[in-house]
Amino acid sequence: MRILRQTIHFDTFNYPLEKIAPLEKILFIDIETTGFTAKSSSLYLIGAAYYEAGSWYVKQWFANTYEEEADILSAFFQYAGSYTHLIHFNGNNFDLPYLLQKCKQHHLPYHFNRFEGIDIYRRVSPYKGFLKLPNCKLKTLEQYLGIAREDTFDGGELISVYHTYVKNPTDYALQALTLHNADDMKGMLRILPILSYYDLFHSPLIPKKVQANYYRDINGKQHQEILMKLILPSPLPSSLSGTSNGCYFRGEGLEGTLRIPLYEEEMKYYYSNYKSYYYLPEEDTAIHKSVASFVDKDHRIQASAATCYTRKLSSYLPQWDILFEPFFKRDYKDKETFFELTEEMKKERPLFAKYAAHILNMIEQSY
């Protein structure tokens, strides 16, 4: 077994990793194998990146022979014992299950139960469409962020290199095998800013300015919108924009902007217990039976679900789930709902933070 260590030299990454855990408690992990299943392949390298005394390092446990699997497993788990958080790339699907299966094969008592795990791939992949990415492979994310690699191999190409190394060890083969893993470790550190897109949907947005704004469309018709200036949870490494259902978002660095149409019109509030109401066709409204005794029977009919409403002229904002109640519609069969923007609500910044997250999620889900 060989144990190798090197310093990672790169500029400070623009992501607040310490909000996850103290840097000294975070361990990045990536493994190299000769196949996808533990039963029929070999584990030949476990790589880890860690922070110590102001610098980042890569440590690697390398098996010179197939028989040294148990040695590198034991050495890694003993070393990892002082850490609390594991960060990996698609490790939930491959690295961690593979290591556990190898431990079982070698009757080693190790597990990951005590670690908090963060899978970068799993956190970013739901937003592939919004980010306009073809896939969320590590190299794809590196290219998206403008990160260049040193190694020219991929993991599959190195399988034959390792088999050859076991039979005839050379420094060139060793360097190729360890360089690929080291670059994966460095790549994980360098793509950490990609987690800012995850934070965008899972951490609070802070509205720093909310105002009504008037504009004219290409036909000269005047419209009104709500313009929100937001402070984002963590700085976006690349600007991001999206639009859906008349709403628009743009984020750059720590600043975000939301534009949401504001409708000044008459909408309908539908009562759910329509059997308790009469509909007044001449008034185009519904009233409760308890107060309908003064209405002539010829001017009232039993309300249906579609006619059990009252109308109100006000200012409304759209919502795609029932976020705020009471909710209004233009027509009974409409799927789109609205809530009234009252004077009291205009003063509630926490409400606008909640609404901003709702609109942003709606935009993202349209991609």
Protein backbone atom coordinates (compact mmCIF):
# COMPACT_ATOMS: atom_id res chain seq x y z
CA MET A 1 0.00 0.00 0.00
CA ARG A 2 1.17 3.50 -0.82
CA ILE A 3 0.00 6.66 0.94
CA LEU A 4 0.47 9.83 -1.07
CA ARG A 5 -0.20 13.45 -0.11
CA GLN A 6 -0.08 16.71 -2.02
CA THR A 7 -1.10 20.32 -1.49
CA ILE A 8 -3.93 21.70 -3.60
CA HIS A 9 -2.94 25.02 -5.13
CA PHE A 10 -5.84 27.14 -6.32
CA ASP A 11 -7.47 30.49 -5.69
CA THR A 12 -10.04 30.67 -2.91
CA PHE A 13 -13.33 29.22 -4.09
CA ASN A 14 -16.25 31.59 -3.85
CA TYR A 15 -18.58 29.46 -1.73
CA PRO A 16 -19.25 29.66 2.04
CA LEU A 17 -18.38 26.03 2.79
CA GLU A 18 -18.04 26.79 6.50
CA LYS A 19 -21.82 27.23 6.74
CA ILE A 20 -22.08 23.45 6.26
CA ALA A 21 -19.54 22.59 8.97
CA PRO A 22 -16.16 23.77 10.28
CA LEU A 23 -13.66 23.25 7.47
CA GLU A 24 -11.52 20.97 9.67
CA LYS A 25 -14.48 18.57 9.98
CA ILE A 26 -15.16 18.19 6.25
CA LEU A 27 -13.69 15.35 4.19
CA PHE A 28 -14.08 15.05 0.43
CA ILE A 29 -13.94 11.51 -0.92
CA ASP A 30 -13.59 9.81 -4.31
CA ILE A 31 -12.60 6.24 -5.19
CA GLU A 32 -11.13 4.44 -8.18
CA THR A 33 -12.13 0.89 -9.11
CA THR A 34 -11.82 -1.57 -11.97
CA GLY A 35 -15.59 -1.91 -12.35
CA PHE A 36 -19.02 -0.90 -11.11
CA THR A 37 -19.84 -3.85 -8.83
CA ALA A 38 -17.81 -4.62 -5.73
CA LYS A 39 -18.26 -8.36 -6.13
CA SER A 40 -16.57 -8.58 -9.53
CA SER A 41 -14.07 -5.69 -9.49
CA SER A 42 -11.22 -4.29 -7.44
CA LEU A 43 -10.86 -1.14 -5.36
CA TYR A 44 -7.40 0.28 -5.97
CA LEU A 45 -7.49 3.88 -4.72
CA ILE A 46 -9.32 5.96 -2.11
CA GLY A 47 -8.74 9.69 -2.34
CA ALA A 48 -9.63 12.32 0.24
CA ALA A 49 -9.32 16.10 0.33
CA TYR A 50 -9.14 17.91 3.65
CA TYR A 51 -8.39 21.28 5.20
CA GLU A 52 -5.53 21.74 7.63
CA ALA A 53 -3.72 24.82 8.96
CA GLY A 54 -4.99 27.15 6.26
CA SER A 55 -4.42 24.88 3.24
CA TRP A 56 -6.20 22.10 1.36
CA TYR A 57 -4.55 18.73 0.76
CA VAL A 58 -5.23 15.51 -1.11
CA LYS A 59 -4.41 12.23 0.58
CA GLN A 60 -4.54 8.95 -1.36
CA TRP A 61 -4.43 5.32 -0.27
CA PHE A 62 -3.26 3.26 -3.25
CA ALA A 63 -3.27 -0.54 -3.53
CA ASN A 64 -0.15 -1.83 -5.26
CA THR A 65 -1.81 -5.23 -5.64
CA TYR A 66 -5.36 -6.60 -5.64
CA GLU A 67 -4.70 -8.12 -2.22
CA GLU A 68 -4.23 -4.69 -0.59
CA GLU A 69 -7.91 -3.73 -0.77
CA ALA A 70 -8.46 -4.40 2.93
CA ASP A 71 -5.36 -2.39 3.82
CA ILE A 72 -6.48 0.78 2.07
CA LEU A 73 -10.02 0.39 3.44
CA SER A 74 -8.79 0.11 7.03
CA ALA A 75 -6.32 2.97 6.62
CA PHE A 76 -8.96 5.26 5.15
CA PHE A 77 -11.64 4.59 7.74
CA GLN A 78 -9.20 4.98 10.60
CA TYR A 79 -8.11 8.33 9.18
CA ALA A 80 -11.69 9.49 8.53
CA GLY A 81 -12.74 8.90 12.13
CA SER A 82 -12.09 12.49 13.21
CA TYR A 83 -14.37 14.01 10.53
CA THR A 84 -18.11 14.62 10.72
CA HIS A 85 -19.08 15.53 7.13
CA LEU A 86 -18.40 13.68 3.88
CA ILE A 87 -18.73 15.50 0.57
CA HIS A 88 -18.69 13.47 -2.64
CA PHE A 89 -19.90 13.47 -6.22
CA ASN A 90 -22.58 10.86 -6.91
CA GLY A 91 -21.22 8.97 -3.91
CA ASN A 92 -24.70 8.00 -2.75
CA ASN A 93 -25.11 5.91 -5.88
CA PHE A 94 -21.59 4.52 -6.22
CA ASP A 95 -18.68 5.34 -3.89
CA LEU A 96 -20.34 4.77 -0.52
CA PRO A 97 -22.27 1.58 -1.39
CA TYR A 98 -19.16 0.19 -3.12
CA LEU A 99 -16.98 0.80 -0.05
CA LEU A 100 -19.57 -0.76 2.25
CA GLN A 101 -19.76 -3.86 0.06
CA LYS A 102 -15.98 -4.16 0.09
CA CYS A 103 -15.96 -3.85 3.89
CA LYS A 104 -18.48 -6.67 4.06
CA GLN A 105 -16.36 -8.83 1.75
CA HIS A 106 -13.31 -8.33 3.95
CA HIS A 107 -15.26 -8.62 7.23
CA LEU A 108 -14.35 -5.06 8.23
CA PRO A 109 -16.64 -3.31 10.74
CA TYR A 110 -16.74 0.10 9.06
CA HIS A 111 -19.78 2.16 8.03
CA PHE A 112 -20.86 5.75 7.31
CA ASN A 113 -23.64 6.08 9.88
CA ARG A 114 -21.91 8.76 11.92
CA PHE A 115 -21.22 11.04 8.95
CA GLU A 116 -23.38 13.77 7.52
CA GLY A 117 -23.26 13.29 3.76
CA ILE A 118 -23.48 15.84 0.96
CA ASP A 119 -23.73 14.54 -2.61
CA ILE A 120 -22.90 17.41 -4.98
CA TYR A 121 -24.37 15.57 -7.96
CA ARG A 122 -27.65 14.86 -6.19
CA ARG A 123 -27.96 18.50 -5.10
CA VAL A 124 -27.31 19.96 -8.54
CA SER A 125 -28.89 17.46 -10.97
CA PRO A 126 -32.53 18.55 -10.36
CA TYR A 127 -31.62 21.96 -11.80
CA LYS A 128 -29.94 20.70 -14.97
CA GLY A 129 -32.67 22.16 -17.20
CA PHE A 130 -32.68 25.52 -15.47
CA LEU A 131 -28.89 25.71 -15.81
CA LYS A 132 -29.19 24.62 -19.47
CA LEU A 133 -26.70 21.77 -19.00
CA PRO A 134 -26.63 18.59 -21.17
CA ASN A 135 -25.82 16.53 -18.05
CA CYS A 136 -24.37 16.96 -14.57
CA LYS A 137 -21.15 14.96 -14.91
CA LEU A 138 -18.19 16.33 -12.99
CA LYS A 139 -16.32 17.37 -16.13
CA THR A 140 -19.46 19.06 -17.51
CA LEU A 141 -19.81 21.14 -14.34
CA GLU A 142 -16.10 21.98 -14.47
CA GLN A 143 -16.51 23.23 -18.04
CA TYR A 144 -19.60 25.23 -17.04
CA LEU A 145 -17.53 26.98 -14.39
CA GLY A 146 -14.51 27.40 -16.67
CA ILE A 147 -12.25 24.94 -14.83
CA ALA A 148 -9.41 23.21 -16.73
CA ARG A 149 -8.07 19.72 -15.91
CA GLU A 150 -4.54 18.35 -16.02
CA ASP A 151 -5.25 14.66 -16.66
CA THR A 152 -6.35 13.37 -20.06
CA PHE A 153 -7.84 10.03 -18.93
CA ASP A 154 -11.25 9.07 -17.65
CA GLY A 155 -11.91 6.39 -15.03
CA GLY A 156 -12.81 3.72 -17.59
CA GLU A 157 -9.60 4.16 -19.56
CA LEU A 158 -7.52 3.75 -16.40
CA ILE A 159 -8.85 0.26 -15.61
CA SER A 160 -6.44 -1.37 -18.08
CA VAL A 161 -3.66 0.91 -16.82
CA TYR A 162 -4.12 -0.45 -13.29
CA HIS A 163 -4.22 -4.07 -14.42
CA THR A 164 -0.97 -3.47 -16.30
CA TYR A 165 0.51 -1.71 -13.25
CA VAL A 166 -0.17 -4.72 -11.00
CA LYS A 167 1.83 -6.91 -13.39
CA ASN A 168 4.52 -4.36 -14.15
CA PRO A 169 4.61 -1.32 -11.79
CA THR A 170 5.94 1.86 -13.37
CA ASP A 171 6.11 5.44 -12.15
CA TYR A 172 4.27 6.62 -15.27
CA ALA A 173 1.29 4.34 -14.61
CA LEU A 174 1.22 5.30 -10.94
CA GLN A 175 1.23 8.97 -11.83
CA ALA A 176 -1.59 8.54 -14.35
CA LEU A 177 -3.72 6.59 -11.84
CA THR A 178 -3.22 9.02 -8.96
CA LEU A 179 -3.40 12.18 -11.09
CA HIS A 180 -6.91 11.37 -12.32
CA ASN A 181 -8.14 10.87 -8.76
CA ALA A 182 -6.36 13.98 -7.51
CA ASP A 183 -7.96 16.01 -10.28
CA ASP A 184 -11.36 14.63 -9.31
CA MET A 185 -10.72 15.75 -5.74
CA LYS A 186 -9.57 19.20 -6.87
CA GLY A 187 -12.54 19.34 -9.23
CA MET A 188 -14.96 18.76 -6.39
CA LEU A 189 -13.45 21.63 -4.44
CA ARG A 190 -13.46 23.91 -7.44
CA ILE A 191 -17.07 23.21 -8.39
CA LEU A 192 -18.35 23.94 -4.88
CA PRO A 193 -19.81 27.26 -6.09
CA ILE A 194 -22.27 25.16 -8.11
CA LEU A 195 -23.99 24.46 -4.77
CA SER A 196 -25.11 28.09 -4.81
CA TYR A 197 -27.81 27.04 -7.28
CA TYR A 198 -29.03 24.45 -4.76
CA ASP A 199 -28.98 27.09 -2.02
CA LEU A 200 -31.07 29.34 -4.23
CA PHE A 201 -34.00 26.95 -3.76
CA HIS A 202 -33.31 25.67 -0.25
CA SER A 203 -32.18 28.71 1.73
CA PRO A 204 -34.09 31.90 2.53
CA LEU A 205 -34.21 34.71 0.00
CA ILE A 206 -34.05 38.18 1.54
CA PRO A 207 -36.13 40.90 -0.15
CA LYS A 208 -34.24 44.17 0.22
CA LYS A 209 -36.63 46.17 -1.97
CA VAL A 210 -40.22 45.59 -3.13
CA GLN A 211 -42.08 48.07 -5.29
CA ALA A 212 -44.88 48.36 -7.84
CA ASN A 213 -43.72 49.23 -11.32
CA TYR A 214 -45.61 50.29 -14.47
CA TYR A 215 -44.50 49.42 -18.00
CA ARG A 216 -45.95 49.30 -21.52
CA ASP A 217 -45.89 46.25 -23.77
CA ILE A 218 -44.99 46.29 -27.47
CA ASN A 219 -48.56 47.33 -28.28
CA GLY A 220 -48.38 50.31 -25.96
CA LYS A 221 -50.73 48.83 -23.37
CA GLN A 222 -49.86 49.70 -19.78
CA HIS A 223 -49.26 46.91 -17.26
CA GLN A 224 -48.32 46.79 -13.61
CA GLU A 225 -45.82 44.48 -11.95
CA ILE A 226 -44.16 43.84 -8.62
CA LEU A 227 -40.39 44.32 -8.78
CA MET A 228 -38.39 42.55 -6.07
CA LYS A 229 -34.71 43.05 -5.40
CA LEU A 230 -33.31 40.05 -3.49
CA ILE A 231 -30.22 39.13 -1.54
CA LEU A 232 -29.34 35.53 -2.50
CA PRO A 233 -28.14 32.91 0.02
CA SER A 234 -24.72 32.49 -1.61
CA PRO A 235 -23.04 34.07 -4.66
CA LEU A 236 -23.91 32.53 -8.02
CA PRO A 237 -20.75 31.63 -9.98
CA SER A 238 -22.47 32.51 -13.25
CA SER A 239 -25.49 34.67 -13.99
CA LEU A 240 -28.82 32.86 -14.30
CA SER A 241 -32.15 33.90 -15.76
CA GLY A 242 -35.49 32.31 -16.43
CA THR A 243 -39.08 33.19 -17.27
CA SER A 244 -42.45 31.48 -17.02
CA ASN A 245 -46.10 32.52 -16.87
CA GLY A 246 -45.23 36.18 -17.17
CA CYS A 247 -42.73 36.05 -14.27
CA TYR A 248 -39.03 36.74 -14.74
CA PHE A 249 -35.95 36.05 -12.61
CA ARG A 250 -32.35 37.06 -12.99
CA GLY A 251 -29.57 36.32 -10.53
CA GLU A 252 -25.97 37.51 -10.59
CA GLY A 253 -23.55 37.18 -7.69
CA LEU A 254 -25.48 37.82 -4.50
CA GLU A 255 -28.22 39.87 -6.15
CA GLY A 256 -31.47 38.66 -7.66
CA THR A 257 -34.39 40.36 -9.39
CA LEU A 258 -37.95 39.08 -9.70
CA ARG A 259 -40.63 40.65 -11.89
CA ILE A 260 -44.17 39.42 -11.26
CA PRO A 261 -47.33 40.69 -13.00
CA LEU A 262 -49.77 42.53 -10.74
CA TYR A 263 -53.39 42.44 -11.86
CA GLU A 264 -55.89 45.18 -11.02
CA GLU A 265 -59.24 43.65 -11.90
CA GLU A 266 -62.34 41.96 -10.58
CA MET A 267 -61.91 38.35 -9.52
CA LYS A 268 -64.08 35.75 -7.87
CA TYR A 269 -63.86 34.07 -4.50
CA TYR A 270 -65.53 30.63 -4.53
CA TYR A 271 -67.15 29.19 -1.42
CA SER A 272 -66.53 25.48 -0.93
CA ASN A 273 -69.86 24.62 0.77
CA TYR A 274 -72.03 25.67 -2.18
CA LYS A 275 -75.08 23.69 -0.94
CA SER A 276 -75.48 26.30 1.81
CA TYR A 277 -75.74 29.17 -0.71
CA TYR A 278 -78.17 30.67 -3.19
CA TYR A 279 -77.04 32.24 -6.43
CA LEU A 280 -78.62 35.54 -7.47
CA PRO A 281 -78.44 35.69 -11.29
CA GLU A 282 -79.33 39.37 -11.53
CA GLU A 283 -76.66 40.31 -9.01
CA ASP A 284 -74.18 37.70 -10.25
CA THR A 285 -73.24 36.73 -6.70
CA ALA A 286 -73.95 34.08 -4.09
CA ILE A 287 -75.33 34.62 -0.60
CA HIS A 288 -75.64 32.30 2.36
CA LYS A 289 -79.06 30.78 2.93
CA SER A 290 -79.13 32.20 6.43
CA VAL A 291 -79.42 35.74 5.01
CA ALA A 292 -81.45 34.96 1.87
CA SER A 293 -84.93 35.22 3.40
CA PHE A 294 -85.37 38.79 2.11
CA VAL A 295 -84.71 37.74 -1.51
CA ASP A 296 -87.71 36.77 -3.60
CA LYS A 297 -87.67 33.09 -4.52
CA ASP A 298 -88.02 34.02 -8.18
CA HIS A 299 -84.68 35.85 -8.04
CA ARG A 300 -82.60 33.16 -6.44
CA ILE A 301 -81.56 29.61 -7.35
CA GLN A 302 -79.60 26.93 -5.59
CA ALA A 303 -75.91 27.70 -6.07
CA SER A 304 -73.63 25.21 -7.81
CA ALA A 305 -69.92 24.87 -7.35
CA ALA A 306 -69.41 27.09 -10.42
CA THR A 307 -71.84 29.86 -9.28
CA CYS A 308 -71.04 29.97 -5.56
CA TYR A 309 -68.87 33.07 -5.53
CA THR A 310 -68.59 36.72 -4.69
CA ARG A 311 -66.72 39.23 -6.82
CA LYS A 312 -64.13 41.73 -5.70
CA LEU A 313 -62.23 44.47 -7.50
CA SER A 314 -58.68 44.67 -6.14
CA SER A 315 -54.99 44.06 -6.85
CA TYR A 316 -53.95 40.43 -7.24
CA LEU A 317 -50.76 38.41 -7.54
CA PRO A 318 -50.57 34.93 -9.13
CA GLN A 319 -49.78 31.75 -7.22
CA TRP A 320 -49.35 28.20 -8.50
CA ASP A 321 -50.04 26.43 -5.21
CA ILE A 322 -52.38 27.65 -2.51
CA LEU A 323 -49.71 29.67 -0.77
CA PHE A 324 -51.98 32.40 0.59
CA GLU A 325 -55.67 32.37 1.40
CA PRO A 326 -58.28 33.39 0.58
CA PHE A 327 -57.51 32.66 -3.05
CA PHE A 328 -59.33 34.02 -6.08
CA LYS A 329 -59.97 32.94 -9.66
CA ARG A 330 -61.16 34.52 -12.86
CA ASP A 331 -63.40 31.54 -13.57
CA TYR A 332 -64.32 28.33 -11.79
CA LYS A 333 -62.50 26.04 -14.26
CA ASP A 334 -59.30 28.09 -14.24
CA LYS A 335 -56.28 26.32 -12.75
CA GLU A 336 -54.45 29.56 -12.04
CA THR A 337 -55.20 31.12 -8.67
CA PHE A 338 -54.47 34.55 -7.20
CA PHE A 339 -54.32 36.21 -3.81
CA GLU A 340 -55.20 39.76 -2.92
CA LEU A 341 -52.31 42.11 -2.28
CA THR A 342 -53.61 44.06 0.72
CA GLU A 343 -52.08 47.08 2.39
CA GLU A 344 -51.21 44.93 5.41
CA MET A 345 -49.38 42.38 3.27
CA LYS A 346 -47.26 45.08 1.62
CA LYS A 347 -45.58 45.69 4.99
CA GLU A 348 -44.68 42.01 5.59
CA ARG A 349 -41.17 41.30 4.28
CA PRO A 350 -41.23 37.65 5.50
CA LEU A 351 -44.34 37.18 3.33
CA PHE A 352 -42.50 38.47 0.26
CA ALA A 353 -39.54 36.20 1.04
CA LYS A 354 -41.92 33.23 1.04
CA TYR A 355 -43.60 34.44 -2.14
CA ALA A 356 -40.25 35.01 -3.91
CA ALA A 357 -39.25 31.40 -3.19
CA HIS A 358 -42.63 30.23 -4.55
CA ILE A 359 -42.23 32.17 -7.81
CA LEU A 360 -38.62 31.05 -8.26
CA ASN A 361 -39.60 27.40 -7.83
CA MET A 362 -42.41 27.82 -10.34
CA ILE A 363 -39.99 29.28 -12.90
CA GLU A 364 -37.43 26.50 -12.32
CA GLN A 365 -40.02 23.73 -12.68
CA SER A 366 -40.98 25.01 -16.13
CA TYR A 367 -37.55 24.02 -17.52
